[in-house]
């Protein structure tokens, strides 16, 4: 008889796979940017997209992926120690978006007009968190605007990824809801 996975095992596997995908994609993006567009002021990141998906699937567990995205980006960019603090702590501010999911309900956010507003909120919280962390570490007000302007392409990528994820069954959905829905369909 085949043993079924426990809820915790399923969550751990899912979080690990999403974390691995995030690390691989961020690595590829950083390397490609350094190779093909070395002097460009713009950056692209999948941090907000993947983190939004994890927040929708698992709630506050997505904070792990928010910090991971900052670590991976900084590591492969050759960042200074202060930048690690800025990106990791700044990305972690996006966990406040989970409060919206709790207040309105994941299903309402996922299926309604807020489905694309939610990742925008995650992105803006990440950028605002980075700016706030940089200010706390002594950066000038003029330099922190770069966290919003240089990462503007990431917002477009985030919208496209979430739009696609919404179309795929169970990807942009609370996993408890998804598994219960699958079980009900099987019966």
C-alpha atoms as a PDB file:
ATOM      1  CA  UNK A   1       0.000   0.000   0.000  1.00  0.00           C
ATOM      2  CA  UNK A   2       1.363   3.386  -1.000  1.00  0.00           C
ATOM      3  CA  UNK A   3       1.997   5.784   1.878  1.00  0.00           C
ATOM      4  CA  UNK A   4       0.405   9.208   1.532  1.00  0.00           C
ATOM      5  CA  UNK A   5       2.347  12.341   2.282  1.00  0.00           C
ATOM      6  CA  UNK A   6       1.439  14.313   5.348  1.00  0.00           C
ATOM      7  CA  UNK A   7       0.336  17.921   5.121  1.00  0.00           C
ATOM      8  CA  UNK A   8       3.692  19.088   6.522  1.00  0.00           C
ATOM      9  CA  UNK A   9       5.642  16.962   4.046  1.00  0.00           C
ATOM     10  CA  UNK A  10       3.599  18.296   1.141  1.00  0.00           C
ATOM     11  CA  UNK A  11       4.147  21.888   2.313  1.00  0.00           C
ATOM     12  CA  UNK A  12       7.881  21.339   2.841  1.00  0.00           C
ATOM     13  CA  UNK A  13       8.311  19.824  -0.626  1.00  0.00           C
ATOM     14  CA  UNK A  14       6.282  22.586  -2.259  1.00  0.00           C
ATOM     15  CA  UNK A  15       8.152  25.357  -0.441  1.00  0.00           C
ATOM     16  CA  UNK A  16      11.503  23.746  -1.275  1.00  0.00           C
ATOM     17  CA  UNK A  17      10.661  23.400  -4.971  1.00  0.00           C
ATOM     18  CA  UNK A  18       9.439  26.985  -5.192  1.00  0.00           C
ATOM     19  CA  UNK A  19      12.582  28.118  -3.348  1.00  0.00           C
ATOM     20  CA  UNK A  20      14.791  26.175  -5.743  1.00  0.00           C
ATOM     21  CA  UNK A  21      12.981  27.619  -8.763  1.00  0.00           C
ATOM     22  CA  UNK A  22      13.336  31.133  -7.343  1.00  0.00           C
ATOM     23  CA  UNK A  23      17.074  30.659  -6.753  1.00  0.00           C
ATOM     24  CA  UNK A  24      17.659  29.281 -10.246  1.00  0.00           C
ATOM     25  CA  UNK A  25      15.665  32.023 -11.989  1.00  0.00           C
ATOM     26  CA  UNK A  26      17.244  34.835  -9.950  1.00  0.00           C
ATOM     27  CA  UNK A  27      20.708  33.400 -10.711  1.00  0.00           C
ATOM     28  CA  UNK A  28      19.931  33.263 -14.442  1.00  0.00           C
ATOM     29  CA  UNK A  29      18.503  36.788 -14.432  1.00  0.00           C
ATOM     30  CA  UNK A  30      21.489  38.288 -12.588  1.00  0.00           C
ATOM     31  CA  UNK A  31      23.985  36.489 -14.822  1.00  0.00           C
ATOM     32  CA  UNK A  32      22.116  37.439 -18.010  1.00  0.00           C
ATOM     33  CA  UNK A  33      21.912  41.066 -16.929  1.00  0.00           C
ATOM     34  CA  UNK A  34      25.626  41.201 -16.218  1.00  0.00           C
ATOM     35  CA  UNK A  35      26.449  39.498 -19.521  1.00  0.00           C
ATOM     36  CA  UNK A  36      24.044  41.182 -21.967  1.00  0.00           C
ATOM     37  CA  UNK A  37      23.142  44.466 -20.267  1.00  0.00           C
ATOM     38  CA  UNK A  38      26.060  45.369 -17.997  1.00  0.00           C
ATOM     39  CA  UNK A  39      25.568  49.140 -18.004  1.00  0.00           C
ATOM     40  CA  UNK A  40      21.782  49.274 -17.787  1.00  0.00           C
ATOM     41  CA  UNK A  41      20.201  50.897 -14.732  1.00  0.00           C
ATOM     42  CA  UNK A  42      17.206  48.543 -14.853  1.00  0.00           C
ATOM     43  CA  UNK A  43      16.898  45.238 -13.053  1.00  0.00           C
ATOM     44  CA  UNK A  44      14.420  42.416 -13.377  1.00  0.00           C
ATOM     45  CA  UNK A  45      13.513  40.121 -10.548  1.00  0.00           C
ATOM     46  CA  UNK A  46      10.981  37.365 -10.036  1.00  0.00           C
ATOM     47  CA  UNK A  47      11.026  37.935  -6.282  1.00  0.00           C
ATOM     48  CA  UNK A  48       7.595  39.575  -6.097  1.00  0.00           C
ATOM     49  CA  UNK A  49       5.981  37.099  -8.484  1.00  0.00           C
ATOM     50  CA  UNK A  50       7.217  33.966  -6.737  1.00  0.00           C
ATOM     51  CA  UNK A  51       6.678  35.447  -3.284  1.00  0.00           C
ATOM     52  CA  UNK A  52       3.105  36.437  -4.222  1.00  0.00           C
ATOM     53  CA  UNK A  53       2.419  32.882  -5.347  1.00  0.00           C
ATOM     54  CA  UNK A  54       3.845  31.471  -2.114  1.00  0.00           C
ATOM     55  CA  UNK A  55       1.845  33.941  -0.014  1.00  0.00           C
ATOM     56  CA  UNK A  56      -1.299  32.816  -1.837  1.00  0.00           C
ATOM     57  CA  UNK A  57      -0.446  29.125  -1.459  1.00  0.00           C
ATOM     58  CA  UNK A  58       0.945  29.097   2.084  1.00  0.00           C
ATOM     59  CA  UNK A  59       0.439  32.495   3.709  1.00  0.00           C
ATOM     60  CA  UNK A  60       3.283  33.881   5.820  1.00  0.00           C
ATOM     61  CA  UNK A  61       5.607  31.042   4.771  1.00  0.00           C
ATOM     62  CA  UNK A  62       6.301  33.209   1.720  1.00  0.00           C
ATOM     63  CA  UNK A  63       8.482  35.429   3.910  1.00  0.00           C
ATOM     64  CA  UNK A  64      11.164  32.746   3.560  1.00  0.00           C
ATOM     65  CA  UNK A  65      11.120  33.211  -0.203  1.00  0.00           C
ATOM     66  CA  UNK A  66      11.139  36.997   0.098  1.00  0.00           C
ATOM     67  CA  UNK A  67      14.361  36.842   2.116  1.00  0.00           C
ATOM     68  CA  UNK A  68      15.793  34.136  -0.134  1.00  0.00           C
ATOM     69  CA  UNK A  69      15.253  36.340  -3.196  1.00  0.00           C
ATOM     70  CA  UNK A  70      17.255  39.114  -1.531  1.00  0.00           C
ATOM     71  CA  UNK A  71      20.047  36.717  -0.555  1.00  0.00           C
ATOM     72  CA  UNK A  72      20.314  35.178  -4.016  1.00  0.00           C
ATOM     73  CA  UNK A  73      20.186  38.547  -5.795  1.00  0.00           C
ATOM     74  CA  UNK A  74      22.890  40.007  -3.536  1.00  0.00           C
ATOM     75  CA  UNK A  75      25.111  36.935  -3.631  1.00  0.00           C
ATOM     76  CA  UNK A  76      25.185  36.664  -7.418  1.00  0.00           C
ATOM     77  CA  UNK A  77      25.468  40.430  -7.829  1.00  0.00           C
ATOM     78  CA  UNK A  78      28.541  40.584  -5.594  1.00  0.00           C
ATOM     79  CA  UNK A  79      26.782  42.888  -3.149  1.00  0.00           C
ATOM     80  CA  UNK A  80      28.260  44.613  -0.106  1.00  0.00           C
ATOM     81  CA  UNK A  81      27.065  43.548   3.382  1.00  0.00           C
ATOM     82  CA  UNK A  82      24.793  46.599   3.635  1.00  0.00           C
ATOM     83  CA  UNK A  83      23.030  45.564   0.444  1.00  0.00           C
ATOM     84  CA  UNK A  84      22.243  42.163   1.950  1.00  0.00           C
ATOM     85  CA  UNK A  85      20.502  43.932   4.821  1.00  0.00           C
ATOM     86  CA  UNK A  86      18.672  46.288   2.460  1.00  0.00           C
ATOM     87  CA  UNK A  87      17.392  43.571   0.124  1.00  0.00           C
ATOM     88  CA  UNK A  88      16.605  40.888   2.705  1.00  0.00           C
ATOM     89  CA  UNK A  89      14.962  43.182   5.263  1.00  0.00           C
ATOM     90  CA  UNK A  90      13.280  45.199   2.520  1.00  0.00           C
ATOM     91  CA  UNK A  91      11.817  42.125   0.844  1.00  0.00           C
ATOM     92  CA  UNK A  92      10.620  40.885   4.224  1.00  0.00           C
ATOM     93  CA  UNK A  93       8.365  43.951   4.542  1.00  0.00           C
ATOM     94  CA  UNK A  94       6.213  42.340   1.830  1.00  0.00           C
ATOM     95  CA  UNK A  95       4.938  39.886   4.456  1.00  0.00           C
ATOM     96  CA  UNK A  96       2.522  42.668   5.463  1.00  0.00           C
ATOM     97  CA  UNK A  97       0.573  41.769   2.297  1.00  0.00           C
ATOM     98  CA  UNK A  98      -0.496  38.552   4.020  1.00  0.00           C
ATOM     99  CA  UNK A  99      -2.719  40.734   6.216  1.00  0.00           C
ATOM    100  CA  UNK A 100      -4.753  41.600   3.099  1.00  0.00           C
ATOM    101  CA  UNK A 101      -5.174  37.905   2.345  1.00  0.00           C
ATOM    102  CA  UNK A 102      -6.340  37.258   5.885  1.00  0.00           C
ATOM    103  CA  UNK A 103      -8.676  40.255   5.980  1.00  0.00           C
ATOM    104  CA  UNK A 104     -10.384  39.665   2.626  1.00  0.00           C
ATOM    105  CA  UNK A 105      -9.840  35.937   2.212  1.00  0.00           C
ATOM    106  CA  UNK A 106      -7.459  34.275  -0.215  1.00  0.00           C
ATOM    107  CA  UNK A 107     -10.226  33.059  -2.494  1.00  0.00           C
ATOM    108  CA  UNK A 108     -11.725  36.534  -2.858  1.00  0.00           C
ATOM    109  CA  UNK A 109      -8.312  38.019  -3.634  1.00  0.00           C
ATOM    110  CA  UNK A 110      -7.390  35.180  -5.995  1.00  0.00           C
ATOM    111  CA  UNK A 111     -10.547  35.225  -8.094  1.00  0.00           C
ATOM    112  CA  UNK A 112     -11.557  38.879  -7.972  1.00  0.00           C
ATOM    113  CA  UNK A 113     -10.193  42.189  -9.189  1.00  0.00           C
ATOM    114  CA  UNK A 114      -7.587  42.120  -6.441  1.00  0.00           C
ATOM    115  CA  UNK A 115      -5.773  39.191  -8.035  1.00  0.00           C
ATOM    116  CA  UNK A 116      -3.394  41.549  -9.824  1.00  0.00           C
ATOM    117  CA  UNK A 117      -3.495  44.239  -7.139  1.00  0.00           C
ATOM    118  CA  UNK A 118      -2.100  41.813  -4.584  1.00  0.00           C
ATOM    119  CA  UNK A 119       1.218  41.206  -6.418  1.00  0.00           C
ATOM    120  CA  UNK A 120       1.462  44.968  -7.004  1.00  0.00           C
ATOM    121  CA  UNK A 121       1.179  45.412  -3.239  1.00  0.00           C
ATOM    122  CA  UNK A 122       3.879  42.786  -2.681  1.00  0.00           C
ATOM    123  CA  UNK A 123       6.171  44.528  -5.191  1.00  0.00           C
ATOM    124  CA  UNK A 124       5.619  47.997  -3.714  1.00  0.00           C
ATOM    125  CA  UNK A 125       6.137  46.720  -0.168  1.00  0.00           C
ATOM    126  CA  UNK A 126       9.417  45.114  -1.243  1.00  0.00           C
ATOM    127  CA  UNK A 127      10.605  48.291  -2.931  1.00  0.00           C
ATOM    128  CA  UNK A 128       9.437  50.482  -0.067  1.00  0.00           C
ATOM    129  CA  UNK A 129      11.058  48.162   2.454  1.00  0.00           C
ATOM    130  CA  UNK A 130      14.363  48.341   0.580  1.00  0.00           C
ATOM    131  CA  UNK A 131      14.138  52.119   0.434  1.00  0.00           C
ATOM    132  CA  UNK A 132      13.379  52.338   4.162  1.00  0.00           C
ATOM    133  CA  UNK A 133      16.239  49.978   5.022  1.00  0.00           C
ATOM    134  CA  UNK A 134      18.615  52.009   2.868  1.00  0.00           C
ATOM    135  CA  UNK A 135      17.515  55.234   4.573  1.00  0.00           C
ATOM    136  CA  UNK A 136      18.080  53.648   7.986  1.00  0.00           C
ATOM    137  CA  UNK A 137      21.576  52.672   6.876  1.00  0.00           C
ATOM    138  CA  UNK A 138      22.357  56.268   5.877  1.00  0.00           C
ATOM    139  CA  UNK A 139      21.507  56.447   2.170  1.00  0.00           C
ATOM    140  CA  UNK A 140      20.341  59.769   0.801  1.00  0.00           C
ATOM    141  CA  UNK A 141      16.717  60.374  -0.108  1.00  0.00           C
ATOM    142  CA  UNK A 142      17.606  60.828  -3.772  1.00  0.00           C
ATOM    143  CA  UNK A 143      19.346  57.475  -4.024  1.00  0.00           C
ATOM    144  CA  UNK A 144      16.442  55.465  -2.589  1.00  0.00           C
ATOM    145  CA  UNK A 145      14.146  56.433  -5.460  1.00  0.00           C
ATOM    146  CA  UNK A 146      16.235  54.021  -7.506  1.00  0.00           C
ATOM    147  CA  UNK A 147      14.601  51.111  -5.705  1.00  0.00           C
ATOM    148  CA  UNK A 148      11.346  52.067  -7.417  1.00  0.00           C
ATOM    149  CA  UNK A 149      12.606  53.213 -10.813  1.00  0.00           C
ATOM    150  CA  UNK A 150      15.226  50.554 -11.577  1.00  0.00           C
ATOM    151  CA  UNK A 151      12.880  47.705 -10.654  1.00  0.00           C
ATOM    152  CA  UNK A 152       9.919  48.867 -12.763  1.00  0.00           C
ATOM    153  CA  UNK A 153      10.341  46.064 -15.311  1.00  0.00           C
ATOM    154  CA  UNK A 154       9.895  43.550 -12.508  1.00  0.00           C
ATOM    155  CA  UNK A 155       6.343  44.780 -12.064  1.00  0.00           C
ATOM    156  CA  UNK A 156       5.524  43.927 -15.675  1.00  0.00           C
ATOM    157  CA  UNK A 157       7.055  40.463 -15.280  1.00  0.00           C
ATOM    158  CA  UNK A 158       5.148  39.990 -12.018  1.00  0.00           C
ATOM    159  CA  UNK A 159       1.826  40.849 -13.662  1.00  0.00           C
ATOM    160  CA  UNK A 160       2.454  38.453 -16.548  1.00  0.00           C
ATOM    161  CA  UNK A 161       3.559  35.613 -14.271  1.00  0.00           C
ATOM    162  CA  UNK A 162       0.587  36.024 -11.923  1.00  0.00           C
ATOM    163  CA  UNK A 163      -1.816  36.314 -14.859  1.00  0.00           C
ATOM    164  CA  UNK A 164      -0.485  32.989 -16.195  1.00  0.00           C
ATOM    165  CA  UNK A 165      -0.423  31.389 -12.727  1.00  0.00           C
ATOM    166  CA  UNK A 166      -4.101  32.298 -12.258  1.00  0.00           C
ATOM    167  CA  UNK A 167      -4.952  30.285 -15.372  1.00  0.00           C
ATOM    168  CA  UNK A 168      -3.125  27.169 -14.168  1.00  0.00           C
ATOM    169  CA  UNK A 169      -5.141  24.928 -11.884  1.00  0.00           C
ATOM    170  CA  UNK A 170      -3.956  25.134  -8.277  1.00  0.00           C
ATOM    171  CA  UNK A 171      -0.861  27.263  -8.840  1.00  0.00           C
ATOM    172  CA  UNK A 172      -2.194  30.579  -7.521  1.00  0.00           C
ATOM    173  CA  UNK A 173      -4.496  29.052  -4.922  1.00  0.00           C
ATOM    174  CA  UNK A 174      -4.426  28.285  -1.221  1.00  0.00           C
ATOM    175  CA  UNK A 175      -3.176  24.714  -1.112  1.00  0.00           C
ATOM    176  CA  UNK A 176      -5.596  23.552   1.539  1.00  0.00           C
ATOM    177  CA  UNK A 177      -8.458  24.868  -0.598  1.00  0.00           C
ATOM    178  CA  UNK A 178      -6.925  23.280  -3.696  1.00  0.00           C
ATOM    179  CA  UNK A 179      -6.471  19.833  -2.138  1.00  0.00           C
ATOM    180  CA  UNK A 180      -9.968  19.844  -0.648  1.00  0.00           C
ATOM    181  CA  UNK A 181     -11.367  20.853  -4.039  1.00  0.00           C
ATOM    182  CA  UNK A 182      -9.455  18.023  -5.748  1.00  0.00           C
ATOM    183  CA  UNK A 183     -10.634  15.532  -3.165  1.00  0.00           C
ATOM    184  CA  UNK A 184     -14.257  16.638  -3.623  1.00  0.00           C
ATOM    185  CA  UNK A 185     -13.924  16.253  -7.405  1.00  0.00           C
ATOM    186  CA  UNK A 186     -12.555  12.729  -7.021  1.00  0.00           C
ATOM    187  CA  UNK A 187     -15.487  11.694  -4.835  1.00  0.00           C
END
